[in-house]
N, C-alpha and C. Protein backbone atom coordinates (compact mmCIF):
# COMPACT_ATOMS: atom_id res chain seq x y z
N PHE A 1 -5.96 5.72 -7.22
CA PHE A 1 -5.12 6.69 -7.83
C PHE A 1 -4.60 6.17 -9.26
N PHE A 2 -4.16 5.02 -9.17
CA PHE A 2 -3.61 4.36 -10.47
C PHE A 2 -4.60 4.17 -11.50
N LYS A 3 -5.91 3.93 -11.06
CA LYS A 3 -6.97 3.80 -11.99
C LYS A 3 -7.59 4.93 -12.54
N GLN A 4 -7.41 6.10 -11.88
CA GLN A 4 -7.91 7.34 -12.28
C GLN A 4 -6.88 8.24 -13.07
N ASN A 5 -5.66 7.85 -13.09
CA ASN A 5 -4.62 8.52 -13.82
C ASN A 5 -3.98 7.84 -14.95
N ASP A 6 -3.46 8.59 -15.96
CA ASP A 6 -2.70 8.02 -16.99
C ASP A 6 -1.36 8.00 -16.80
N SER A 7 -0.87 8.83 -15.84
CA SER A 7 0.61 8.97 -15.52
C SER A 7 0.70 9.18 -13.98
N PHE A 8 1.98 8.66 -13.55
CA PHE A 8 2.19 8.86 -11.99
C PHE A 8 2.96 10.02 -11.90
N ASP A 9 2.65 10.84 -10.92
CA ASP A 9 3.45 12.06 -10.55
C ASP A 9 3.66 12.06 -9.01
N MET A 10 4.86 12.05 -8.57
CA MET A 10 5.23 11.85 -7.12
C MET A 10 4.53 12.87 -6.32
N ASP A 11 4.50 14.27 -6.75
CA ASP A 11 3.88 15.20 -6.08
C ASP A 11 2.37 14.99 -5.90
N ASP A 12 1.73 14.73 -6.98
CA ASP A 12 0.21 14.42 -6.99
C ASP A 12 -0.03 13.28 -6.17
N PHE A 13 0.68 12.18 -6.21
CA PHE A 13 0.51 11.09 -5.39
C PHE A 13 0.62 11.39 -3.94
N ALA A 14 1.60 12.12 -3.59
CA ALA A 14 1.90 12.46 -2.23
C ALA A 14 0.68 13.37 -1.67
N ARG A 15 0.21 14.24 -2.41
CA ARG A 15 -1.01 15.09 -2.06
C ARG A 15 -2.21 14.43 -1.97
N ASP A 16 -2.57 13.64 -3.08
CA ASP A 16 -3.89 13.10 -3.16
C ASP A 16 -4.07 11.73 -2.36
N VAL A 17 -2.91 10.94 -2.22
CA VAL A 17 -3.09 9.56 -1.54
C VAL A 17 -2.53 9.63 -0.16
N ILE A 18 -1.39 10.14 0.00
CA ILE A 18 -0.74 10.22 1.36
C ILE A 18 -1.36 11.28 2.24
N GLY A 19 -1.36 12.55 1.76
CA GLY A 19 -1.97 13.52 2.39
C GLY A 19 -1.20 14.22 3.63
N GLN A 20 -0.87 13.45 4.56
CA GLN A 20 -0.18 14.06 5.82
C GLN A 20 1.20 14.33 5.54
N PRO A 21 1.57 15.62 5.82
CA PRO A 21 2.98 16.07 5.63
C PRO A 21 4.11 15.21 6.11
N GLU A 22 3.91 14.79 7.38
CA GLU A 22 4.92 14.01 8.02
C GLU A 22 5.01 12.54 7.37
N VAL A 23 3.98 12.05 6.89
CA VAL A 23 3.95 10.74 6.23
C VAL A 23 4.55 10.95 4.81
N ILE A 24 4.37 12.06 4.19
CA ILE A 24 4.99 12.37 2.80
C ILE A 24 6.37 12.40 2.97
N ASP A 25 6.92 13.15 4.08
CA ASP A 25 8.41 13.11 4.35
C ASP A 25 8.83 11.85 4.50
N SER A 26 8.28 11.06 5.25
CA SER A 26 8.78 9.75 5.61
C SER A 26 8.80 8.87 4.23
N PHE A 27 7.79 8.99 3.46
CA PHE A 27 7.73 8.17 2.10
C PHE A 27 8.94 8.69 1.23
N ARG A 28 9.25 9.96 1.19
CA ARG A 28 10.27 10.45 0.39
C ARG A 28 11.58 10.02 0.93
N GLN A 29 11.86 9.99 2.20
CA GLN A 29 13.05 9.44 2.81
C GLN A 29 13.21 8.02 2.49
N TYR A 30 12.13 7.20 2.59
CA TYR A 30 12.22 5.74 2.17
C TYR A 30 12.69 5.60 0.81
N LYS A 31 12.15 6.47 -0.08
CA LYS A 31 12.43 6.38 -1.55
C LYS A 31 13.97 6.57 -1.82
N GLU A 32 14.51 7.64 -1.05
CA GLU A 32 15.94 7.94 -1.12
C GLU A 32 16.75 6.91 -0.57
N GLN A 33 16.30 6.30 0.50
CA GLN A 33 17.17 5.13 1.13
C GLN A 33 17.04 4.07 0.16
N TYR A 34 16.13 3.72 -0.42
CA TYR A 34 15.90 2.64 -1.31
C TYR A 34 16.73 2.83 -2.58
N GLU A 35 16.80 4.05 -3.07
CA GLU A 35 17.61 4.29 -4.20
C GLU A 35 19.10 4.13 -3.93
N GLU A 36 19.35 4.66 -2.77
CA GLU A 36 20.90 4.43 -2.32
C GLU A 36 21.24 2.98 -2.03
N GLN A 37 20.38 2.31 -1.31
CA GLN A 37 20.57 0.91 -1.06
C GLN A 37 20.66 -0.04 -2.18
N TYR A 38 19.89 0.12 -3.17
CA TYR A 38 19.78 -0.74 -4.46
C TYR A 38 20.47 -0.11 -5.57
N ASP A 39 21.12 1.18 -5.42
CA ASP A 39 21.82 1.73 -6.48
C ASP A 39 20.99 1.94 -7.62
N VAL A 40 19.71 2.39 -7.59
CA VAL A 40 18.85 2.62 -8.62
C VAL A 40 18.19 4.17 -8.47
N GLN A 41 17.78 4.69 -9.67
CA GLN A 41 17.18 6.02 -9.57
C GLN A 41 15.67 5.67 -9.97
N LEU A 42 14.81 5.95 -9.11
CA LEU A 42 13.41 5.83 -9.35
C LEU A 42 12.78 7.20 -9.94
N PRO A 43 12.16 7.14 -11.09
CA PRO A 43 11.69 8.47 -11.58
C PRO A 43 10.48 9.02 -10.70
N ASP A 44 10.34 10.40 -10.78
CA ASP A 44 9.28 11.02 -10.00
C ASP A 44 7.94 10.98 -10.87
N SER A 45 8.07 10.71 -12.12
CA SER A 45 6.90 10.53 -12.98
C SER A 45 6.98 9.53 -14.06
N PHE A 46 5.92 8.76 -14.41
CA PHE A 46 6.05 7.80 -15.46
C PHE A 46 4.63 7.41 -15.81
N GLY A 47 4.53 6.82 -17.03
CA GLY A 47 3.24 6.35 -17.55
C GLY A 47 2.66 5.17 -16.70
N ILE A 48 1.33 5.12 -16.63
CA ILE A 48 0.75 4.07 -15.83
C ILE A 48 0.10 2.96 -16.93
N SER A 49 0.47 1.81 -16.73
CA SER A 49 -0.08 0.89 -17.69
C SER A 49 -1.45 0.26 -17.19
N GLU A 50 -2.47 0.46 -17.93
CA GLU A 50 -3.78 0.02 -17.51
C GLU A 50 -3.94 -1.41 -17.29
N GLY A 51 -3.30 -2.32 -18.11
CA GLY A 51 -3.18 -3.68 -17.98
C GLY A 51 -2.55 -4.14 -16.73
N ALA A 52 -1.51 -3.53 -16.20
CA ALA A 52 -0.68 -3.92 -15.12
C ALA A 52 -1.67 -3.44 -13.83
N VAL A 53 -2.39 -2.29 -13.96
CA VAL A 53 -3.19 -1.81 -12.76
C VAL A 53 -4.27 -2.94 -12.61
N LYS A 54 -4.88 -3.45 -13.73
CA LYS A 54 -6.01 -4.43 -13.57
C LYS A 54 -5.44 -5.71 -13.05
N LYS A 55 -4.22 -6.19 -13.50
CA LYS A 55 -3.70 -7.30 -13.03
C LYS A 55 -3.39 -7.24 -11.54
N GLN A 56 -2.74 -6.19 -11.08
CA GLN A 56 -2.31 -6.07 -9.72
C GLN A 56 -3.49 -5.83 -8.81
N ALA A 57 -4.62 -5.20 -9.37
CA ALA A 57 -5.72 -4.84 -8.45
C ALA A 57 -6.37 -6.10 -7.85
N ARG A 58 -6.24 -7.19 -8.65
CA ARG A 58 -6.82 -8.49 -8.12
C ARG A 58 -6.26 -8.87 -6.76
N ALA A 59 -5.00 -8.76 -6.77
CA ALA A 59 -4.23 -9.36 -5.48
C ALA A 59 -3.74 -8.18 -4.51
N TYR A 60 -3.87 -6.96 -4.99
CA TYR A 60 -3.21 -6.00 -4.12
C TYR A 60 -4.06 -5.07 -3.16
N LYS A 61 -5.17 -4.51 -3.76
CA LYS A 61 -5.88 -3.39 -2.92
C LYS A 61 -6.75 -4.08 -1.99
N SER A 62 -6.61 -3.82 -0.71
CA SER A 62 -7.45 -4.19 0.31
C SER A 62 -7.18 -3.52 1.45
N VAL A 63 -8.31 -2.97 2.07
CA VAL A 63 -8.20 -2.30 3.51
C VAL A 63 -9.25 -2.84 4.30
N ILE A 64 -8.97 -3.36 5.47
CA ILE A 64 -9.81 -3.91 6.35
C ILE A 64 -10.11 -2.72 7.43
N LYS A 65 -11.28 -2.16 7.43
CA LYS A 65 -11.74 -1.13 8.35
C LYS A 65 -12.37 -1.72 9.56
N LEU A 66 -11.79 -1.44 10.81
CA LEU A 66 -12.29 -1.91 12.00
C LEU A 66 -12.71 -0.74 12.88
N ASP A 67 -13.94 -0.95 13.57
CA ASP A 67 -14.31 0.08 14.41
C ASP A 67 -14.16 1.47 13.91
N LYS A 68 -13.70 2.43 14.73
CA LYS A 68 -13.41 3.83 14.33
C LYS A 68 -11.94 4.03 14.21
N ASN A 69 -11.42 4.56 13.05
CA ASN A 69 -10.06 4.82 13.08
C ASN A 69 -8.99 3.75 13.05
N PHE A 70 -9.35 2.54 12.76
CA PHE A 70 -8.53 1.46 12.78
C PHE A 70 -8.52 0.83 11.50
N HIS A 71 -7.52 0.87 10.58
CA HIS A 71 -7.39 0.30 9.35
C HIS A 71 -6.30 -0.71 9.15
N ILE A 72 -6.39 -1.85 8.65
CA ILE A 72 -5.33 -2.78 8.32
C ILE A 72 -5.17 -2.84 6.76
N TYR A 73 -4.09 -2.38 6.36
CA TYR A 73 -3.77 -2.45 5.00
C TYR A 73 -3.26 -3.74 4.46
N VAL A 74 -3.83 -4.47 3.53
CA VAL A 74 -3.29 -5.77 3.23
C VAL A 74 -2.81 -5.58 1.73
N HIS A 75 -1.45 -5.89 1.50
CA HIS A 75 -0.76 -5.91 0.25
C HIS A 75 -0.35 -7.20 -0.12
N GLY A 76 -1.27 -8.09 -0.51
CA GLY A 76 -0.83 -9.44 -0.88
C GLY A 76 -2.01 -10.51 -0.80
N ASP A 77 -1.59 -11.59 -0.47
CA ASP A 77 -2.67 -12.68 -0.49
C ASP A 77 -3.46 -12.76 0.63
N ARG A 78 -4.74 -12.40 0.56
CA ARG A 78 -5.91 -12.33 1.53
C ARG A 78 -6.03 -13.74 2.25
N LYS A 79 -5.68 -14.80 1.42
CA LYS A 79 -5.89 -16.12 2.04
C LYS A 79 -5.17 -16.43 3.24
N LEU A 80 -4.05 -15.54 3.44
CA LEU A 80 -3.22 -15.55 4.75
C LEU A 80 -3.86 -14.92 5.89
N ILE A 81 -5.13 -14.48 5.71
CA ILE A 81 -5.77 -13.82 6.79
C ILE A 81 -7.10 -14.69 7.10
N GLU A 82 -7.26 -14.86 8.42
CA GLU A 82 -8.45 -15.74 8.79
C GLU A 82 -9.29 -14.77 9.64
N GLN A 83 -10.55 -14.76 9.40
CA GLN A 83 -11.46 -14.08 10.13
C GLN A 83 -12.23 -14.93 11.15
N GLY A 84 -12.54 -14.50 12.35
CA GLY A 84 -13.26 -15.31 13.22
C GLY A 84 -13.97 -14.59 14.36
N GLU A 85 -14.49 -15.37 15.30
CA GLU A 85 -15.28 -14.73 16.43
C GLU A 85 -15.29 -15.85 17.48
N ASP A 86 -14.98 -15.32 18.72
CA ASP A 86 -14.98 -16.12 19.91
C ASP A 86 -15.67 -15.50 21.06
N GLU A 87 -15.65 -15.86 22.28
CA GLU A 87 -16.20 -15.24 23.31
C GLU A 87 -15.87 -13.84 23.67
N LYS A 88 -14.60 -13.58 23.26
CA LYS A 88 -14.10 -12.24 23.52
C LYS A 88 -14.42 -11.21 22.46
N GLY A 89 -14.90 -11.67 21.31
CA GLY A 89 -15.30 -10.84 20.20
C GLY A 89 -14.75 -11.36 18.92
N LYS A 90 -14.81 -10.42 18.00
CA LYS A 90 -14.41 -10.68 16.49
C LYS A 90 -12.95 -10.54 16.41
N PHE A 91 -12.20 -11.30 15.48
CA PHE A 91 -10.85 -11.15 15.38
C PHE A 91 -10.46 -11.41 13.94
N TYR A 92 -9.13 -11.02 13.68
CA TYR A 92 -8.51 -11.42 12.37
C TYR A 92 -7.20 -12.30 12.92
N LYS A 93 -6.94 -13.35 12.17
CA LYS A 93 -5.65 -13.96 12.51
C LYS A 93 -4.75 -13.94 11.12
N VAL A 94 -3.54 -13.58 11.30
CA VAL A 94 -2.67 -13.25 10.17
C VAL A 94 -1.51 -14.23 10.18
N TYR A 95 -1.34 -15.04 8.90
CA TYR A 95 -0.29 -16.04 8.86
C TYR A 95 0.72 -15.40 7.87
N TYR A 96 2.09 -15.68 8.20
CA TYR A 96 3.13 -15.21 7.42
C TYR A 96 4.25 -16.06 7.44
N ASN A 97 5.22 -16.00 6.49
CA ASN A 97 6.42 -16.92 6.49
C ASN A 97 7.49 -16.20 7.08
N GLU A 98 7.73 -14.89 7.04
CA GLU A 98 8.83 -14.30 7.51
C GLU A 98 8.56 -12.92 7.95
N GLU A 99 9.06 -12.32 9.02
CA GLU A 99 8.83 -11.00 9.48
C GLU A 99 9.95 -10.13 8.96
N SER A 100 9.70 -8.88 8.31
CA SER A 100 10.72 -8.06 7.91
C SER A 100 10.82 -6.71 8.48
């Protein structure tokens, strides 16, 4: 989405990326809660920096697609994920510092 657009628009993002009405509602509620909790106003539209998109793409975008209808979205350092296989089958092991 960010690579294909020059500007971010909340409604376009919700429609094109999120898609499902109940998930869109949840996303908007989260945004409102975040704004209240941190006393900030996040704009519904803004320009997208091409340089920032390129920089973030290296560490940010990753979806691990397993079997049918099972996706793991990785937002961060993939070095914390270990892939393996044993007698039970294939697996991923995830390391983390803190659960939030």
